[in-house]
mmCIF file of all heavy atoms, coordinates in Angstrom:
data_MODEL
# 
_entry.id   MODEL 
# 
loop_
_atom_site.group_PDB 
_atom_site.id 
_atom_site.type_symbol 
_atom_site.label_atom_id 
_atom_site.label_alt_id 
_atom_site.label_comp_id 
_atom_site.label_asym_id 
_atom_site.label_entity_id 
_atom_site.label_seq_id 
_atom_site.pdbx_PDB_ins_code 
_atom_site.Cartn_x 
_atom_site.Cartn_y 
_atom_site.Cartn_z 
_atom_site.occupancy 
_atom_site.B_iso_or_equiv 
_atom_site.pdbx_formal_charge 
_atom_site.auth_seq_id 
_atom_site.auth_comp_id 
_atom_site.auth_asym_id 
_atom_site.auth_atom_id 
_atom_site.pdbx_PDB_model_num 
ATOM 1   N N   . ALA A 1 1  ? 0.829  -1.206 0.000   1.00 0.00 ? 1  ALA A N   1 
ATOM 2   C CA  . ALA A 1 1  ? 0.000  0.000  0.000   1.00 0.00 ? 1  ALA A CA  1 
ATOM 3   C C   . ALA A 1 1  ? 0.863  1.256  0.000   1.00 0.00 ? 1  ALA A C   1 
ATOM 4   O O   . ALA A 1 1  ? 0.573  2.221  -0.724  1.00 0.00 ? 1  ALA A O   1 
ATOM 5   C CB  . ALA A 1 1  ? -0.935 -0.014 1.209   1.00 0.00 ? 1  ALA A CB  1 
ATOM 6   N N   . ALA A 1 2  ? 1.946  1.250  0.775   1.00 0.00 ? 2  ALA A N   1 
ATOM 7   C CA  . ALA A 1 2  ? 2.831  2.420  0.820   1.00 0.00 ? 2  ALA A CA  1 
ATOM 8   C C   . ALA A 1 2  ? 3.531  2.639  -0.519  1.00 0.00 ? 2  ALA A C   1 
ATOM 9   O O   . ALA A 1 2  ? 3.601  3.773  -1.020  1.00 0.00 ? 2  ALA A O   1 
ATOM 10  C CB  . ALA A 1 2  ? 3.866  2.246  1.938   1.00 0.00 ? 2  ALA A CB  1 
ATOM 11  N N   . VAL A 1 3  ? 4.035  1.547  -1.113  1.00 0.00 ? 3  VAL A N   1 
ATOM 12  C CA  . VAL A 1 3  ? 4.717  1.665  -2.409  1.00 0.00 ? 3  VAL A CA  1 
ATOM 13  C C   . VAL A 1 3  ? 3.727  2.084  -3.492  1.00 0.00 ? 3  VAL A C   1 
ATOM 14  O O   . VAL A 1 3  ? 4.043  2.934  -4.339  1.00 0.00 ? 3  VAL A O   1 
ATOM 15  C CB  . VAL A 1 3  ? 5.433  0.336  -2.768  1.00 0.00 ? 3  VAL A CB  1 
ATOM 16  C CG1 . VAL A 1 3  ? 5.937  0.348  -4.188  1.00 0.00 ? 3  VAL A CG1 1 
ATOM 17  C CG2 . VAL A 1 3  ? 6.576  0.084  -1.802  1.00 0.00 ? 3  VAL A CG2 1 
ATOM 18  N N   . ALA A 1 4  ? 2.524  1.520  -3.460  1.00 0.00 ? 4  ALA A N   1 
ATOM 19  C CA  . ALA A 1 4  ? 1.507  1.890  -4.457  1.00 0.00 ? 4  ALA A CA  1 
ATOM 20  C C   . ALA A 1 4  ? 1.120  3.363  -4.307  1.00 0.00 ? 4  ALA A C   1 
ATOM 21  O O   . ALA A 1 4  ? 0.924  4.075  -5.305  1.00 0.00 ? 4  ALA A O   1 
ATOM 22  C CB  . ALA A 1 4  ? 0.287  0.992  -4.322  1.00 0.00 ? 4  ALA A CB  1 
ATOM 23  N N   . GLY A 1 5  ? 1.017  3.840  -3.065  1.00 0.00 ? 5  GLY A N   1 
ATOM 24  C CA  . GLY A 1 5  ? 0.703  5.248  -2.840  1.00 0.00 ? 5  GLY A CA  1 
ATOM 25  C C   . GLY A 1 5  ? 1.799  6.171  -3.376  1.00 0.00 ? 5  GLY A C   1 
ATOM 26  O O   . GLY A 1 5  ? 1.520  7.196  -3.997  1.00 0.00 ? 5  GLY A O   1 
ATOM 27  N N   . ALA A 1 6  ? 3.070  5.779  -3.127  1.00 0.00 ? 6  ALA A N   1 
ATOM 28  C CA  . ALA A 1 6  ? 4.193  6.588  -3.630  1.00 0.00 ? 6  ALA A CA  1 
ATOM 29  C C   . ALA A 1 6  ? 4.210  6.598  -5.157  1.00 0.00 ? 6  ALA A C   1 
ATOM 30  O O   . ALA A 1 6  ? 4.409  7.654  -5.775  1.00 0.00 ? 6  ALA A O   1 
ATOM 31  C CB  . ALA A 1 6  ? 5.508  6.044  -3.077  1.00 0.00 ? 6  ALA A CB  1 
ATOM 32  N N   . PHE A 1 7  ? 3.995  5.430  -5.770  1.00 0.00 ? 7  PHE A N   1 
ATOM 33  C CA  . PHE A 1 7  ? 3.972  5.368  -7.239  1.00 0.00 ? 7  PHE A CA  1 
ATOM 34  C C   . PHE A 1 7  ? 2.786  6.152  -7.802  1.00 0.00 ? 7  PHE A C   1 
ATOM 35  O O   . PHE A 1 7  ? 2.907  6.781  -8.861  1.00 0.00 ? 7  PHE A O   1 
ATOM 36  C CB  . PHE A 1 7  ? 3.938  3.913  -7.713  1.00 0.00 ? 7  PHE A CB  1 
ATOM 37  C CG  . PHE A 1 7  ? 5.289  3.332  -7.978  1.00 0.00 ? 7  PHE A CG  1 
ATOM 38  C CD1 . PHE A 1 7  ? 6.107  2.926  -6.939  1.00 0.00 ? 7  PHE A CD1 1 
ATOM 39  C CD2 . PHE A 1 7  ? 5.767  3.199  -9.272  1.00 0.00 ? 7  PHE A CD2 1 
ATOM 40  C CE1 . PHE A 1 7  ? 7.357  2.408  -7.171  1.00 0.00 ? 7  PHE A CE1 1 
ATOM 41  C CE2 . PHE A 1 7  ? 7.023  2.673  -9.528  1.00 0.00 ? 7  PHE A CE2 1 
ATOM 42  C CZ  . PHE A 1 7  ? 7.824  2.280  -8.466  1.00 0.00 ? 7  PHE A CZ  1 
ATOM 43  N N   . ALA A 1 8  ? 1.656  6.109  -7.105  1.00 0.00 ? 8  ALA A N   1 
ATOM 44  C CA  . ALA A 1 8  ? 0.491  6.863  -7.578  1.00 0.00 ? 8  ALA A CA  1 
ATOM 45  C C   . ALA A 1 8  ? 0.774  8.370  -7.534  1.00 0.00 ? 8  ALA A C   1 
ATOM 46  O O   . ALA A 1 8  ? 0.404  9.109  -8.459  1.00 0.00 ? 8  ALA A O   1 
ATOM 47  C CB  . ALA A 1 8  ? -0.724 6.529  -6.732  1.00 0.00 ? 8  ALA A CB  1 
ATOM 48  N N   . TYR A 1 9  ? 1.460  8.812  -6.493  1.00 0.00 ? 9  TYR A N   1 
ATOM 49  C CA  . TYR A 1 9  ? 1.800  10.234 -6.407  1.00 0.00 ? 9  TYR A CA  1 
ATOM 50  C C   . TYR A 1 9  ? 2.760  10.636 -7.519  1.00 0.00 ? 9  TYR A C   1 
ATOM 51  O O   . TYR A 1 9  ? 2.564  11.656 -8.183  1.00 0.00 ? 9  TYR A O   1 
ATOM 52  C CB  . TYR A 1 9  ? 2.409  10.541 -5.035  1.00 0.00 ? 9  TYR A CB  1 
ATOM 53  C CG  . TYR A 1 9  ? 2.778  11.991 -4.871  1.00 0.00 ? 9  TYR A CG  1 
ATOM 54  C CD1 . TYR A 1 9  ? 1.803  12.935 -4.561  1.00 0.00 ? 9  TYR A CD1 1 
ATOM 55  C CD2 . TYR A 1 9  ? 4.083  12.422 -5.043  1.00 0.00 ? 9  TYR A CD2 1 
ATOM 56  C CE1 . TYR A 1 9  ? 2.127  14.283 -4.422  1.00 0.00 ? 9  TYR A CE1 1 
ATOM 57  C CE2 . TYR A 1 9  ? 4.421  13.753 -4.909  1.00 0.00 ? 9  TYR A CE2 1 
ATOM 58  C CZ  . TYR A 1 9  ? 3.439  14.685 -4.594  1.00 0.00 ? 9  TYR A CZ  1 
ATOM 59  O OH  . TYR A 1 9  ? 3.762  16.005 -4.468  1.00 0.00 ? 9  TYR A OH  1 
ATOM 60  N N   . VAL A 1 10 ? 3.814  9.806  -7.724  1.00 0.00 ? 10 VAL A N   1 
ATOM 61  C CA  . VAL A 1 10 ? 4.784  10.115 -8.780  1.00 0.00 ? 10 VAL A CA  1 
ATOM 62  C C   . VAL A 1 10 ? 4.118  10.029 -10.150 1.00 0.00 ? 10 VAL A C   1 
ATOM 63  O O   . VAL A 1 10 ? 4.456  10.796 -11.059 1.00 0.00 ? 10 VAL A O   1 
ATOM 64  C CB  . VAL A 1 10 ? 6.008  9.178  -8.682  1.00 0.00 ? 10 VAL A CB  1 
ATOM 65  C CG1 . VAL A 1 10 ? 6.936  9.343  -9.870  1.00 0.00 ? 10 VAL A CG1 1 
ATOM 66  C CG2 . VAL A 1 10 ? 6.765  9.439  -7.397  1.00 0.00 ? 10 VAL A CG2 1 
ATOM 67  N N   . GLY A 1 11 ? 3.170  9.126  -10.310 1.00 0.00 ? 11 GLY A N   1 
ATOM 68  C CA  . GLY A 1 11 ? 2.461  9.031  -11.585 1.00 0.00 ? 11 GLY A CA  1 
ATOM 69  C C   . GLY A 1 11 ? 1.570  10.221 -11.851 1.00 0.00 ? 11 GLY A C   1 
ATOM 70  O O   . GLY A 1 11 ? 1.340  10.598 -13.004 1.00 0.00 ? 11 GLY A O   1 
ATOM 71  N N   . THR A 1 12 ? 1.074  10.825 -10.779 1.00 0.00 ? 12 THR A N   1 
ATOM 72  C CA  . THR A 1 12 ? 0.188  11.982 -10.930 1.00 0.00 ? 12 THR A CA  1 
ATOM 73  C C   . THR A 1 12 ? 0.971  13.286 -11.082 1.00 0.00 ? 12 THR A C   1 
ATOM 74  O O   . THR A 1 12 ? 0.637  14.128 -11.920 1.00 0.00 ? 12 THR A O   1 
ATOM 75  C CB  . THR A 1 12 ? -0.746 12.092 -9.703  1.00 0.00 ? 12 THR A CB  1 
ATOM 76  O OG1 . THR A 1 12 ? -1.432 10.849 -9.553  1.00 0.00 ? 12 THR A OG1 1 
ATOM 77  C CG2 . THR A 1 12 ? -1.752 13.199 -9.858  1.00 0.00 ? 12 THR A CG2 1 
ATOM 78  N N   . VAL A 1 13 ? 1.998  13.452 -10.258 1.00 0.00 ? 13 VAL A N   1 
ATOM 79  C CA  . VAL A 1 13 ? 2.803  14.680 -10.276 1.00 0.00 ? 13 VAL A CA  1 
ATOM 80  C C   . VAL A 1 13 ? 4.053  14.398 -11.104 1.00 0.00 ? 13 VAL A C   1 
ATOM 81  O O   . VAL A 1 13 ? 4.951  13.691 -10.677 1.00 0.00 ? 13 VAL A O   1 
ATOM 82  C CB  . VAL A 1 13 ? 3.162  15.115 -8.842  1.00 0.00 ? 13 VAL A CB  1 
ATOM 83  C CG1 . VAL A 1 13 ? 3.977  16.393 -8.870  1.00 0.00 ? 13 VAL A CG1 1 
ATOM 84  C CG2 . VAL A 1 13 ? 1.915  15.282 -7.997  1.00 0.00 ? 13 VAL A CG2 1 
ATOM 85  N N   . ASP A 1 14 ? 4.118  14.942 -12.275 1.00 0.00 ? 14 ASP A N   1 
ATOM 86  C CA  . ASP A 1 14 ? 5.178  14.651 -13.236 1.00 0.00 ? 14 ASP A CA  1 
ATOM 87  C C   . ASP A 1 14 ? 6.530  15.208 -12.779 1.00 0.00 ? 14 ASP A C   1 
ATOM 88  O O   . ASP A 1 14 ? 6.677  16.423 -12.604 1.00 0.00 ? 14 ASP A O   1 
ATOM 89  C CB  . ASP A 1 14 ? 4.802  15.253 -14.594 1.00 0.00 ? 14 ASP A CB  1 
ATOM 90  C CG  . ASP A 1 14 ? 5.717  14.793 -15.714 1.00 0.00 ? 14 ASP A CG  1 
ATOM 91  O OD1 . ASP A 1 14 ? 6.670  14.032 -15.441 1.00 0.00 ? 14 ASP A OD1 1 
ATOM 92  O OD2 . ASP A 1 14 ? 5.467  15.193 -16.868 1.00 0.00 ? 14 ASP A OD2 1 
ATOM 93  N N   . PRO A 1 15 ? 7.540  14.342 -12.584 1.00 0.00 ? 15 PRO A N   1 
ATOM 94  C CA  . PRO A 1 15 ? 8.859  14.840 -12.182 1.00 0.00 ? 15 PRO A CA  1 
ATOM 95  C C   . PRO A 1 15 ? 9.618  15.510 -13.326 1.00 0.00 ? 15 PRO A C   1 
ATOM 96  O O   . PRO A 1 15 ? 10.647 16.138 -13.083 1.00 0.00 ? 15 PRO A O   1 
ATOM 97  C CB  . PRO A 1 15 ? 9.594  13.584 -11.709 1.00 0.00 ? 15 PRO A CB  1 
ATOM 98  C CG  . PRO A 1 15 ? 8.900  12.458 -12.354 1.00 0.00 ? 15 PRO A CG  1 
ATOM 99  C CD  . PRO A 1 15 ? 7.483  12.882 -12.593 1.00 0.00 ? 15 PRO A CD  1 
ATOM 100 N N   . ASN A 1 16 ? 9.133  15.393 -14.554 1.00 0.00 ? 16 ASN A N   1 
ATOM 101 C CA  . ASN A 1 16 ? 9.785  16.064 -15.679 1.00 0.00 ? 16 ASN A CA  1 
ATOM 102 C C   . ASN A 1 16 ? 9.524  17.574 -15.662 1.00 0.00 ? 16 ASN A C   1 
ATOM 103 O O   . ASN A 1 16 ? 10.232 18.330 -16.315 1.00 0.00 ? 16 ASN A O   1 
ATOM 104 C CB  . ASN A 1 16 ? 9.305  15.469 -17.006 1.00 0.00 ? 16 ASN A CB  1 
ATOM 105 C CG  . ASN A 1 16 ? 9.772  14.032 -17.161 1.00 0.00 ? 16 ASN A CG  1 
ATOM 106 O OD1 . ASN A 1 16 ? 10.945 13.741 -17.023 1.00 0.00 ? 16 ASN A OD1 1 
ATOM 107 N ND2 . ASN A 1 16 ? 8.837  13.128 -17.410 1.00 0.00 ? 16 ASN A ND2 1 
ATOM 108 N N   . GLU A 1 17 ? 8.505  18.013 -14.951 1.00 0.00 ? 17 GLU A N   1 
ATOM 109 C CA  . GLU A 1 17 ? 8.222  19.438 -14.803 1.00 0.00 ? 17 GLU A CA  1 
ATOM 110 C C   . GLU A 1 17 ? 8.976  19.953 -13.582 1.00 0.00 ? 17 GLU A C   1 
ATOM 111 O O   . GLU A 1 17 ? 8.885  19.368 -12.502 1.00 0.00 ? 17 GLU A O   1 
ATOM 112 C CB  . GLU A 1 17 ? 6.720  19.659 -14.628 1.00 0.00 ? 17 GLU A CB  1 
ATOM 113 C CG  . GLU A 1 17 ? 5.899  19.234 -15.825 1.00 0.00 ? 17 GLU A CG  1 
ATOM 114 C CD  . GLU A 1 17 ? 4.415  19.368 -15.580 1.00 0.00 ? 17 GLU A CD  1 
ATOM 115 O OE1 . GLU A 1 17 ? 4.029  19.952 -14.531 1.00 0.00 ? 17 GLU A OE1 1 
ATOM 116 O OE2 . GLU A 1 17 ? 3.636  18.899 -16.424 1.00 0.00 ? 17 GLU A OE2 1 
ATOM 117 N N   . PRO A 1 18 ? 9.740  21.016 -13.728 1.00 0.00 ? 18 PRO A N   1 
ATOM 118 C CA  . PRO A 1 18 ? 10.547 21.500 -12.600 1.00 0.00 ? 18 PRO A CA  1 
ATOM 119 C C   . PRO A 1 18 ? 9.684  22.067 -11.471 1.00 0.00 ? 18 PRO A C   1 
ATOM 120 O O   . PRO A 1 18 ? 8.573  22.546 -11.687 1.00 0.00 ? 18 PRO A O   1 
ATOM 121 C CB  . PRO A 1 18 ? 11.424 22.591 -13.233 1.00 0.00 ? 18 PRO A CB  1 
ATOM 122 C CG  . PRO A 1 18 ? 10.729 22.990 -14.482 1.00 0.00 ? 18 PRO A CG  1 
ATOM 123 C CD  . PRO A 1 18 ? 9.919  21.807 -14.933 1.00 0.00 ? 18 PRO A CD  1 
ATOM 124 N N   . GLY A 1 19 ? 10.232 21.980 -10.266 1.00 0.00 ? 19 GLY A N   1 
ATOM 125 C CA  . GLY A 1 19 ? 9.582  22.582 -9.104  1.00 0.00 ? 19 GLY A CA  1 
ATOM 126 C C   . GLY A 1 19 ? 8.762  21.631 -8.260  1.00 0.00 ? 19 GLY A C   1 
ATOM 127 O O   . GLY A 1 19 ? 8.328  22.000 -7.170  1.00 0.00 ? 19 GLY A O   1 
ATOM 128 N N   . HIS A 1 20 ? 8.516  20.416 -8.722  1.00 0.00 ? 20 HIS A N   1 
ATOM 129 C CA  . HIS A 1 20 ? 7.684  19.503 -7.939  1.00 0.00 ? 20 HIS A CA  1 
ATOM 130 C C   . HIS A 1 20 ? 8.499  18.676 -6.942  1.00 0.00 ? 20 HIS A C   1 
ATOM 131 O O   . HIS A 1 20 ? 7.983  18.278 -5.895  1.00 0.00 ? 20 HIS A O   1 
ATOM 132 C CB  . HIS A 1 20 ? 6.917  18.540 -8.857  1.00 0.00 ? 20 HIS A CB  1 
ATOM 133 C CG  . HIS A 1 20 ? 5.888  19.214 -9.702  1.00 0.00 ? 20 HIS A CG  1 
ATOM 134 N ND1 . HIS A 1 20 ? 4.773  19.823 -9.183  1.00 0.00 ? 20 HIS A ND1 1 
ATOM 135 C CD2 . HIS A 1 20 ? 5.821  19.397 -11.048 1.00 0.00 ? 20 HIS A CD2 1 
ATOM 136 C CE1 . HIS A 1 20 ? 4.042  20.329 -10.156 1.00 0.00 ? 20 HIS A CE1 1 
ATOM 137 N NE2 . HIS A 1 20 ? 4.660  20.086 -11.306 1.00 0.00 ? 20 HIS A NE2 1 
ATOM 138 N N   . TYR A 1 21 ? 9.731  18.371 -7.253  1.00 0.00 ? 21 TYR A N   1 
ATOM 139 C CA  . TYR A 1 21 ? 10.571 17.515 -6.416  1.00 0.00 ? 21 TYR A CA  1 
ATOM 140 C C   . TYR A 1 21 ? 11.920 18.191 -6.189  1.00 0.00 ? 21 TYR A C   1 
ATOM 141 O O   . TYR A 1 21 ? 12.387 18.951 -7.034  1.00 0.00 ? 21 TYR A O   1 
ATOM 142 C CB  . TYR A 1 21 ? 10.785 16.150 -7.091  1.00 0.00 ? 21 TYR A CB  1 
ATOM 143 C CG  . TYR A 1 21 ? 9.506  15.394 -7.347  1.00 0.00 ? 21 TYR A CG  1 
ATOM 144 C CD1 . TYR A 1 21 ? 8.873  15.433 -8.588  1.00 0.00 ? 21 TYR A CD1 1 
ATOM 145 C CD2 . TYR A 1 21 ? 8.923  14.644 -6.335  1.00 0.00 ? 21 TYR A CD2 1 
ATOM 146 C CE1 . TYR A 1 21 ? 7.705  14.746 -8.819  1.00 0.00 ? 21 TYR A CE1 1 
ATOM 147 C CE2 . TYR A 1 21 ? 7.746  13.947 -6.565  1.00 0.00 ? 21 TYR A CE2 1 
ATOM 148 C CZ  . TYR A 1 21 ? 7.143  13.999 -7.802  1.00 0.00 ? 21 TYR A CZ  1 
ATOM 149 O OH  . TYR A 1 21 ? 5.976  13.319 -8.024  1.00 0.00 ? 21 TYR A OH  1 
ATOM 150 N N   . PRO A 1 22 ? 12.578 17.907 -5.066  1.00 0.00 ? 22 PRO A N   1 
ATOM 151 C CA  . PRO A 1 22 ? 13.904 18.488 -4.843  1.00 0.00 ? 22 PRO A CA  1 
ATOM 152 C C   . PRO A 1 22 ? 14.940 17.883 -5.792  1.00 0.00 ? 22 PRO A C   1 
ATOM 153 O O   . PRO A 1 22 ? 14.801 16.750 -6.242  1.00 0.00 ? 22 PRO A O   1 
ATOM 154 C CB  . PRO A 1 22 ? 14.219 18.129 -3.388  1.00 0.00 ? 22 PRO A CB  1 
ATOM 155 C CG  . PRO A 1 22 ? 13.346 16.968 -3.073  1.00 0.00 ? 22 PRO A CG  1 
ATOM 156 C CD  . PRO A 1 22 ? 12.123 17.096 -3.924  1.00 0.00 ? 22 PRO A CD  1 
ATOM 157 N N   . VAL A 1 23 ? 15.976 18.660 -6.069  1.00 0.00 ? 23 VAL A N   1 
ATOM 158 C CA  . VAL A 1 23 ? 17.054 18.205 -6.949  1.00 0.00 ? 23 VAL A CA  1 
ATOM 159 C C   . VAL A 1 23 ? 18.018 17.357 -6.125  1.00 0.00 ? 23 VAL A C   1 
ATOM 160 O O   . VAL A 1 23 ? 18.217 17.604 -4.932  1.00 0.00 ? 23 VAL A O   1 
ATOM 161 C CB  . VAL A 1 23 ? 17.785 19.430 -7.566  1.00 0.00 ? 23 VAL A CB  1 
ATOM 162 C CG1 . VAL A 1 23 ? 18.937 18.990 -8.442  1.00 0.00 ? 23 VAL A CG1 1 
ATOM 163 C CG2 . VAL A 1 23 ? 16.812 20.285 -8.342  1.00 0.00 ? 23 VAL A CG2 1 
ATOM 164 N N   . CYS A 1 24 ? 18.626 16.368 -6.755  1.00 0.00 ? 24 CYS A N   1 
ATOM 165 C CA  . CYS A 1 24 ? 19.619 15.515 -6.090  1.00 0.00 ? 24 CYS A CA  1 
ATOM 166 C C   . CYS A 1 24 ? 20.752 16.395 -5.564  1.00 0.00 ? 24 CYS A C   1 
ATOM 167 O O   . CYS A 1 24 ? 21.332 17.186 -6.321  1.00 0.00 ? 24 CYS A O   1 
ATOM 168 C CB  . CYS A 1 24 ? 20.158 14.489 -7.083  1.00 0.00 ? 24 CYS A CB  1 
ATOM 169 S SG  . CYS A 1 24 ? 21.566 13.546 -6.458  1.00 0.00 ? 24 CYS A SG  1 
ATOM 170 N N   . PRO A 1 25 ? 21.101 16.300 -4.271  1.00 0.00 ? 25 PRO A N   1 
ATOM 171 C CA  . PRO A 1 25 ? 22.157 17.158 -3.721  1.00 0.00 ? 25 PRO A CA  1 
ATOM 172 C C   . PRO A 1 25 ? 23.514 16.943 -4.395  1.00 0.00 ? 25 PRO A C   1 
ATOM 173 O O   . PRO A 1 25 ? 24.254 17.903 -4.619  1.00 0.00 ? 25 PRO A O   1 
ATOM 174 C CB  . PRO A 1 25 ? 22.221 16.784 -2.244  1.00 0.00 ? 25 PRO A CB  1 
ATOM 175 C CG  . PRO A 1 25 ? 21.048 15.949 -1.965  1.00 0.00 ? 25 PRO A CG  1 
ATOM 176 C CD  . PRO A 1 25 ? 20.491 15.472 -3.253  1.00 0.00 ? 25 PRO A CD  1 
ATOM 177 N N   . LEU A 1 26 ? 23.852 15.678 -4.717  1.00 0.00 ? 26 LEU A N   1 
ATOM 178 C CA  . LEU A 1 26 ? 25.139 15.410 -5.372  1.00 0.00 ? 26 LEU A CA  1 
ATOM 179 C C   . LEU A 1 26 ? 25.181 16.065 -6.752  1.00 0.00 ? 26 LEU A C   1 
ATOM 180 O O   . LEU A 1 26 ? 26.188 16.680 -7.130  1.00 0.00 ? 26 LEU A O   1 
ATOM 181 C CB  . LEU A 1 26 ? 25.372 13.899 -5.488  1.00 0.00 ? 26 LEU A CB  1 
ATOM 182 C CG  . LEU A 1 26 ? 26.705 13.486 -6.095  1.00 0.00 ? 26 LEU A CG  1 
ATOM 183 C CD1 . LEU A 1 26 ? 27.852 13.873 -5.180  1.00 0.00 ? 26 LEU A CD1 1 
ATOM 184 C CD2 . LEU A 1 26 ? 26.731 11.988 -6.367  1.00 0.00 ? 26 LEU A CD2 1 
ATOM 185 N N   . LEU A 1 27 ? 24.084 15.975 -7.485  1.00 0.00 ? 27 LEU A N   1 
ATOM 186 C CA  . LEU A 1 27 ? 24.018 16.594 -8.815  1.00 0.00 ? 27 LEU A CA  1 
ATOM 187 C C   . LEU A 1 27 ? 24.074 18.120 -8.707  1.00 0.00 ? 27 LEU A C   1 
ATOM 188 O O   . LEU A 1 27 ? 24.751 18.787 -9.496  1.00 0.00 ? 27 LEU A O   1 
ATOM 189 C CB  . LEU A 1 27 ? 22.743 16.144 -9.535  1.00 0.00 ? 27 LEU A CB  1 
ATOM 190 C CG  . LEU A 1 27 ? 22.514 16.713 -10.933 1.00 0.00 ? 27 LEU A CG  1 
ATOM 191 C CD1 . LEU A 1 27 ? 23.608 16.243 -11.883 1.00 0.00 ? 27 LEU A CD1 1 
ATOM 192 C CD2 . LEU A 1 27 ? 21.146 16.309 -11.447 1.00 0.00 ? 27 LEU A CD2 1 
# 
C-alpha cells in the first residue's frame, strides 16, 4: 500500500516538470 501510494503520487505529479521535487544534492 505504501509503495503503491508513492507510485500513484509520482504518476500523478510529473517529475519532468521542474519545481515539484527536490534536486539531487550530489548533482
